[in-house]
Amino acid sequence: MPLDPQVKAFLDQASAMPRPKMWDMPLSMSRQGFSQMMQMMGPHDVPVGKIQNITIPGPAGDIRARVYAPIAAGGESLPAMVFFHGGGFVVGDLDTHDGLCRLIAHEGGFIVVAVDYRLAPENKWPAPLDDAIAATRWISENASSYGIDAGRIAIGGDSAGGHLAACVTQAVKAQGGLKLAFQLLLFPGTEFTTDTGSMNRYAVGYLMEKQTIEWFYSQVLPADADRLSPRVSPLLARDFSGLPPAYIMLGGYDPLHDEGLAYAEKLKAAGVKTTVADYTDMVHCFIYLQSVLPQAHEAMARAAEAVAEALDQA
């Protein structure tokens, strides 16, 4: 299917205003640029019932988090999603994804807990994963304090956050003691090898580029990291059985498309109920483009509703 005309127009406009690549800028400017893009393009003024900033004890100090309760939450415990933001493990924070988390809580009618894990290059792998696991467990153990039903907790994230979510589901299954009800993987990276068909087909010119992805990975991975370890590349795990049901959103023109699809196929082969929402005419994380692309809101609303339905049945 051809690239969506509105997406193409957006990409053409962006390419007409060239700017330095992330790896050519100071880190602070890369983070500021991503923040500005998200503020300009992302959802705005999405109503929620309550927002609470909290801290979670982590392996290297407090982890910042933000709790979003939907309107009319009432007195009953609600299902919840622990959410990890995208940004290649290098950029992004609670504020860049504030609008997206508001949208998920509003459309899904469940609580969203956004987790601000440690970023690279200041913190190398597995620091982000260690934070993500610790936060997920703590939220489950303290669910009642935030009106959360501990038996109905989902996990989710976009891009690098989707990678983290996939890793966390595998880690908590192996460790035991916590059973997650669902996983929402939005354009997830699932391996660190960068040598798939889609990675090479859409290496340049489709919002997220292969060289940017490789730069992200070089920032987060230690020099001696084993990229083939399942703890680093969840796609390479041997056993997918017993993982939570999944909703996986993909973009047809996304360099990460093929590894996301491969992850979905492995889940299905292991008997895990898995829905693939493959937007074949879209690019990586087109859900960010809320202000210019009607399909962005529709896709996120559909995903949030799918999570809500699954949590209602958990």
Protein backbone atom coordinates (compact mmCIF):
# COMPACT_ATOMS: atom_id res chain seq x y z
CA MET A 1 0.00 0.00 0.00
CA PRO A 2 1.34 3.49 -0.83
CA LEU A 3 2.40 5.80 1.97
CA ASP A 4 -0.54 7.80 3.32
CA PRO A 5 -0.71 11.15 1.42
CA GLN A 6 -0.96 13.20 4.63
CA VAL A 7 2.05 11.45 6.09
CA LYS A 8 3.97 11.98 2.86
CA ALA A 9 3.11 15.68 2.88
CA PHE A 10 4.31 15.94 6.47
CA LEU A 11 7.57 14.16 5.66
CA ASP A 12 8.11 16.31 2.56
CA GLN A 13 7.60 19.45 4.61
CA ALA A 14 10.00 18.23 7.28
CA SER A 15 12.68 17.34 4.72
CA ALA A 16 12.40 20.84 3.23
CA MET A 17 13.50 22.24 6.59
CA PRO A 18 16.64 20.20 7.29
CA ARG A 19 18.05 20.17 10.80
CA PRO A 20 21.06 18.46 12.36
CA LYS A 21 20.75 14.78 13.16
CA MET A 22 20.53 13.79 16.81
CA TRP A 23 24.07 12.48 16.88
CA ASP A 24 25.37 15.82 15.54
CA MET A 25 23.78 17.84 18.37
CA PRO A 26 24.54 18.18 22.05
CA LEU A 27 22.43 15.73 24.03
CA SER A 28 20.48 18.54 25.68
CA MET A 29 19.44 19.88 22.28
CA SER A 30 18.34 16.43 21.08
CA ARG A 31 16.14 16.06 24.14
CA GLN A 32 14.77 19.57 23.80
CA GLY A 33 14.02 19.02 20.10
CA PHE A 34 12.09 15.83 20.78
CA SER A 35 10.16 17.57 23.54
CA GLN A 36 9.24 20.45 21.26
CA MET A 37 8.06 18.08 18.52
CA MET A 38 5.85 16.17 20.93
CA GLN A 39 4.38 19.36 22.37
CA MET A 40 3.62 20.66 18.90
CA MET A 41 2.29 17.44 17.35
CA GLY A 42 0.88 15.48 20.25
CA PRO A 43 -2.62 15.46 21.75
CA HIS A 44 -3.62 18.51 23.77
CA ASP A 45 -6.26 19.26 26.40
CA VAL A 46 -7.37 15.65 26.82
CA PRO A 47 -9.57 15.57 29.93
CA VAL A 48 -8.70 13.27 32.81
CA GLY A 49 -10.08 13.03 36.31
CA LYS A 50 -6.87 13.37 38.32
CA ILE A 51 -3.10 13.49 37.81
CA GLN A 52 -0.66 12.68 40.59
CA ASN A 53 3.13 12.88 40.44
CA ILE A 54 4.78 10.22 42.59
CA THR A 55 8.16 8.65 43.21
CA ILE A 56 8.87 4.93 43.23
CA PRO A 57 11.88 3.41 44.99
CA GLY A 58 14.23 2.03 42.37
CA PRO A 59 17.53 0.16 42.24
CA ALA A 60 19.52 3.38 41.89
CA GLY A 61 17.28 5.89 43.64
CA ASP A 62 13.78 7.23 43.25
CA ILE A 63 11.99 6.77 39.92
CA ARG A 64 9.61 9.54 38.89
CA ALA A 65 6.15 8.45 37.78
CA ARG A 66 2.81 10.03 36.97
CA VAL A 67 -0.61 8.54 37.70
CA TYR A 68 -3.53 9.41 35.40
CA ALA A 69 -7.04 8.56 36.59
CA PRO A 70 -9.90 8.82 34.10
CA ILE A 71 -12.89 11.09 34.63
CA ALA A 72 -15.52 9.77 37.06
CA ALA A 73 -13.19 7.11 38.41
CA GLY A 74 -15.42 6.74 41.47
CA GLY A 75 -14.62 4.67 44.54
CA GLU A 76 -14.11 1.29 42.94
CA SER A 77 -10.65 -0.01 42.13
CA LEU A 78 -9.88 0.33 38.43
CA PRO A 79 -7.66 -1.63 36.10
CA ALA A 80 -4.41 0.07 35.16
CA MET A 81 -1.59 0.18 32.67
CA VAL A 82 2.07 0.75 33.50
CA PHE A 83 3.42 2.75 30.56
CA PHE A 84 7.00 3.33 29.34
CA HIS A 85 7.69 6.20 26.96
CA GLY A 86 9.56 5.95 23.69
CA GLY A 87 12.60 7.93 22.59
CA GLY A 88 15.29 5.38 21.85
CA PHE A 89 16.25 5.08 25.55
CA VAL A 90 17.93 8.49 25.09
CA VAL A 91 15.20 11.15 24.79
CA GLY A 92 11.68 11.44 26.15
CA ASP A 93 10.24 11.80 29.64
CA LEU A 94 6.96 12.12 31.52
CA ASP A 95 6.19 15.44 29.87
CA THR A 96 6.83 14.39 26.26
CA HIS A 97 4.23 11.62 26.62
CA ASP A 98 1.82 13.44 28.91
CA GLY A 99 -0.75 13.99 26.15
CA LEU A 100 -0.51 10.39 24.95
CA CYS A 101 -0.99 9.02 28.48
CA ARG A 102 -3.96 11.33 29.01
CA LEU A 103 -5.45 10.03 25.77
CA ILE A 104 -4.98 6.39 26.77
CA ALA A 105 -6.58 6.95 30.18
CA HIS A 106 -9.45 8.92 28.70
CA GLU A 107 -10.25 6.54 25.86
CA GLY A 108 -9.66 3.37 27.88
CA GLY A 109 -11.31 4.41 31.13
CA PHE A 110 -8.49 2.90 33.19
CA ILE A 111 -5.61 4.30 35.22
CA VAL A 112 -2.29 4.90 33.49
CA VAL A 113 0.96 5.01 35.46
CA ALA A 114 3.75 6.52 33.34
CA VAL A 115 7.27 5.59 34.47
CA ASP A 116 10.29 7.84 33.93
CA TYR A 117 13.10 5.26 33.75
CA ARG A 118 16.79 6.19 33.59
CA LEU A 119 18.04 7.34 30.19
CA ALA A 120 21.22 6.70 28.22
CA PRO A 121 24.01 7.51 27.69
CA GLU A 122 24.24 8.47 31.36
CA ASN A 123 22.79 5.08 32.25
CA LYS A 124 23.63 2.00 30.22
CA TRP A 125 21.56 -1.15 29.80
CA PRO A 126 20.18 -2.81 31.89
CA ALA A 127 19.47 0.38 33.91
CA PRO A 128 16.24 1.20 31.98
CA LEU A 129 15.03 -2.38 32.31
CA ASP A 130 15.93 -2.60 36.00
CA ASP A 131 13.88 0.55 36.64
CA ALA A 132 10.98 -0.75 34.57
CA ILE A 133 10.85 -4.06 36.43
CA ALA A 134 11.16 -2.42 39.84
CA ALA A 135 8.45 0.12 39.05
CA THR A 136 6.05 -2.49 37.71
CA ARG A 137 6.44 -4.65 40.81
CA TRP A 138 6.10 -1.69 43.17
CA ILE A 139 2.93 -0.47 41.45
CA SER A 140 1.42 -3.93 41.79
CA GLU A 141 2.38 -4.15 45.46
CA ASN A 142 1.00 -0.67 46.20
CA ALA A 143 -1.96 -0.77 43.83
CA SER A 144 -4.64 -0.11 46.45
CA SER A 145 -3.02 3.22 47.39
CA TYR A 146 -3.85 4.53 43.92
CA GLY A 147 -7.24 2.92 43.40
CA ILE A 148 -5.79 0.19 41.20
CA ASP A 149 -7.05 -3.38 41.01
CA ALA A 150 -3.82 -5.37 41.43
CA GLY A 151 -5.32 -8.30 39.54
CA ARG A 152 -5.89 -6.24 36.40
CA ILE A 153 -2.63 -4.53 35.53
CA ALA A 154 -1.44 -4.22 31.95
CA ILE A 155 1.90 -3.04 30.67
CA GLY A 156 2.64 -0.97 27.61
CA GLY A 157 4.91 1.40 25.79
CA ASP A 158 5.83 2.89 22.44
CA SER A 159 9.03 2.21 20.48
CA ALA A 160 11.81 1.88 23.09
CA GLY A 161 9.06 1.80 25.70
CA GLY A 162 7.47 -1.09 23.84
CA HIS A 163 10.84 -2.84 23.91
CA LEU A 164 10.94 -2.35 27.68
CA ALA A 165 7.38 -3.59 28.09
CA ALA A 166 8.18 -6.78 26.18
CA CYS A 167 11.30 -7.32 28.29
CA VAL A 168 9.39 -6.75 31.53
CA THR A 169 6.70 -9.31 30.67
CA GLN A 170 9.40 -11.91 30.09
CA ALA A 171 11.33 -10.95 33.23
CA VAL A 172 8.36 -11.06 35.61
CA LYS A 173 7.23 -14.38 34.15
CA ALA A 174 10.67 -15.83 34.83
CA GLN A 175 10.89 -14.31 38.31
CA GLY A 176 7.33 -15.22 39.31
CA GLY A 177 5.13 -13.50 41.88
CA LEU A 178 3.42 -11.11 39.47
CA LYS A 179 1.01 -11.91 36.67
CA LEU A 180 0.37 -9.13 34.17
CA ALA A 181 -3.02 -9.14 32.49
CA PHE A 182 -2.16 -7.64 29.09
CA GLN A 183 0.59 -6.01 27.03
CA LEU A 184 0.27 -3.09 24.61
CA LEU A 185 3.30 -2.87 22.33
CA LEU A 186 3.27 0.20 20.08
CA PHE A 187 5.87 0.00 17.28
CA PRO A 188 8.17 -2.00 19.55
CA GLY A 189 11.80 -2.68 19.00
CA THR A 190 12.33 -6.31 19.90
CA GLU A 191 15.97 -6.92 18.97
CA PHE A 192 19.19 -4.91 18.77
CA THR A 193 20.62 -6.30 15.55
CA THR A 194 19.20 -3.71 13.06
CA ASP A 195 19.37 -6.12 10.14
CA THR A 196 15.78 -6.87 9.15
CA GLY A 197 14.07 -6.35 5.81
CA SER A 198 12.08 -3.33 6.96
CA MET A 199 15.12 -1.82 8.66
CA ASN A 200 16.89 -1.78 5.31
CA ARG A 201 13.87 -0.95 3.11
CA TYR A 202 12.92 2.11 5.15
CA ALA A 203 16.38 3.11 6.34
CA VAL A 204 16.05 6.73 5.20
CA GLY A 205 13.18 9.15 4.75
CA TYR A 206 10.37 7.66 6.83
CA LEU A 207 10.48 9.69 10.07
CA MET A 208 12.62 7.17 11.99
CA GLU A 209 15.87 6.26 10.23
CA LYS A 210 18.18 3.28 10.59
CA GLN A 211 21.18 5.41 11.47
CA THR A 212 19.22 7.12 14.25
CA ILE A 213 18.22 3.72 15.64
CA GLU A 214 21.82 2.52 15.52
CA TRP A 215 22.91 5.69 17.32
CA PHE A 216 20.29 5.12 20.03
CA TYR A 217 21.51 1.56 20.52
CA SER A 218 25.13 2.69 20.71
CA GLN A 219 24.14 5.10 23.47
CA VAL A 220 22.27 2.62 25.65
CA LEU A 221 24.26 -0.59 25.19
CA PRO A 222 27.61 -1.14 26.91
CA ALA A 223 30.44 -1.88 24.51
CA ASP A 224 30.55 -5.51 25.61
CA ALA A 225 26.76 -6.08 25.51
CA ASP A 226 25.55 -9.36 24.05
CA ARG A 227 22.95 -8.18 21.55
CA LEU A 228 21.72 -11.75 21.11
CA SER A 229 20.82 -12.17 24.77
CA PRO A 230 17.02 -12.44 25.28
CA ARG A 231 17.36 -10.00 28.19
CA VAL A 232 18.51 -7.44 25.60
CA SER A 233 16.58 -8.68 22.55
CA PRO A 234 13.25 -10.18 23.72
CA LEU A 235 12.50 -11.51 20.23
CA LEU A 236 15.27 -14.06 20.78
CA ALA A 237 13.72 -15.62 23.89
CA ARG A 238 13.22 -19.39 23.69
CA ASP A 239 9.85 -19.63 25.43
CA PHE A 240 6.92 -17.28 24.78
CA SER A 241 4.30 -19.43 26.48
CA GLY A 242 2.50 -17.96 29.48
CA LEU A 243 3.07 -14.35 28.46
CA PRO A 244 0.08 -11.97 28.71
CA PRO A 245 -2.26 -11.42 25.76
CA ALA A 246 -1.01 -8.70 23.45
CA TYR A 247 -2.08 -5.88 21.17
CA ILE A 248 0.78 -4.92 18.85
CA MET A 249 0.58 -1.81 16.68
CA LEU A 250 2.84 -1.58 13.64
CA GLY A 251 3.51 0.85 10.81
CA GLY A 252 4.09 -0.53 7.32
CA TYR A 253 6.84 2.02 6.57
CA ASP A 254 8.54 1.64 9.94
CA PRO A 255 12.10 0.28 10.10
CA LEU A 256 10.98 -1.64 13.22
CA HIS A 257 7.99 -3.22 11.44
CA ASP A 258 9.44 -6.67 10.78
CA GLU A 259 10.80 -7.30 14.27
CA GLY A 260 7.49 -6.19 15.79
CA LEU A 261 5.62 -8.55 13.48
CA ALA A 262 8.06 -11.38 14.24
CA TYR A 263 7.41 -10.87 17.95
CA ALA A 264 3.66 -11.10 17.37
CA GLU A 265 4.10 -14.31 15.39
CA LYS A 266 6.17 -15.89 18.16
CA LEU A 267 3.50 -14.99 20.70
CA LYS A 268 0.81 -16.52 18.51
CA ALA A 269 2.85 -19.67 17.94
CA ALA A 270 3.13 -20.06 21.72
CA GLY A 271 -0.63 -19.86 22.11
CA VAL A 272 -0.73 -16.28 23.38
CA LYS A 273 -3.80 -14.37 22.22
CA THR A 274 -2.36 -11.61 20.06
CA THR A 275 -3.94 -8.85 17.99
CA VAL A 276 -1.83 -7.15 15.32
CA ALA A 277 -2.91 -3.69 14.20
CA ASP A 278 -0.72 -3.22 11.14
CA TYR A 279 -1.22 0.24 9.62
CA THR A 280 0.39 -0.55 6.31
CA ASP A 281 0.41 3.03 4.98
CA MET A 282 1.92 4.58 8.13
CA VAL A 283 5.35 5.33 9.58
CA HIS A 284 6.97 4.67 12.94
CA CYS A 285 4.98 6.09 15.87
CA PHE A 286 2.53 7.98 13.66
CA ILE A 287 0.41 8.19 16.82
CA TYR A 288 2.60 11.16 17.80
CA LEU A 289 1.15 13.18 14.90
CA GLN A 290 -2.16 13.88 16.61
CA SER A 291 -2.42 17.48 15.41
CA VAL A 292 -1.91 16.69 11.72
CA LEU A 293 -3.21 13.17 11.23
CA PRO A 294 -6.78 12.07 12.09
CA GLN A 295 -5.74 8.40 11.97
CA ALA A 296 -3.40 9.02 14.91
CA HIS A 297 -6.25 9.60 17.35
CA GLU A 298 -8.34 6.80 15.87
CA ALA A 299 -5.49 4.31 16.21
CA MET A 300 -4.79 5.20 19.84
CA ALA A 301 -8.46 5.15 20.76
CA ARG A 302 -8.84 1.70 19.21
CA ALA A 303 -5.78 0.44 21.08
CA ALA A 304 -6.96 1.85 24.42
CA GLU A 305 -10.38 0.27 23.92
CA ALA A 306 -8.75 -3.09 23.19
CA VAL A 307 -6.79 -2.87 26.44
CA ALA A 308 -9.91 -1.87 28.37
CA GLU A 309 -11.86 -4.82 26.98
CA ALA A 310 -9.09 -7.23 27.88
CA LEU A 311 -8.76 -5.83 31.41
CA ASP A 312 -12.52 -6.05 31.94
CA GLN A 313 -12.28 -9.76 31.16
CA ALA A 314 -9.17 -10.39 33.29
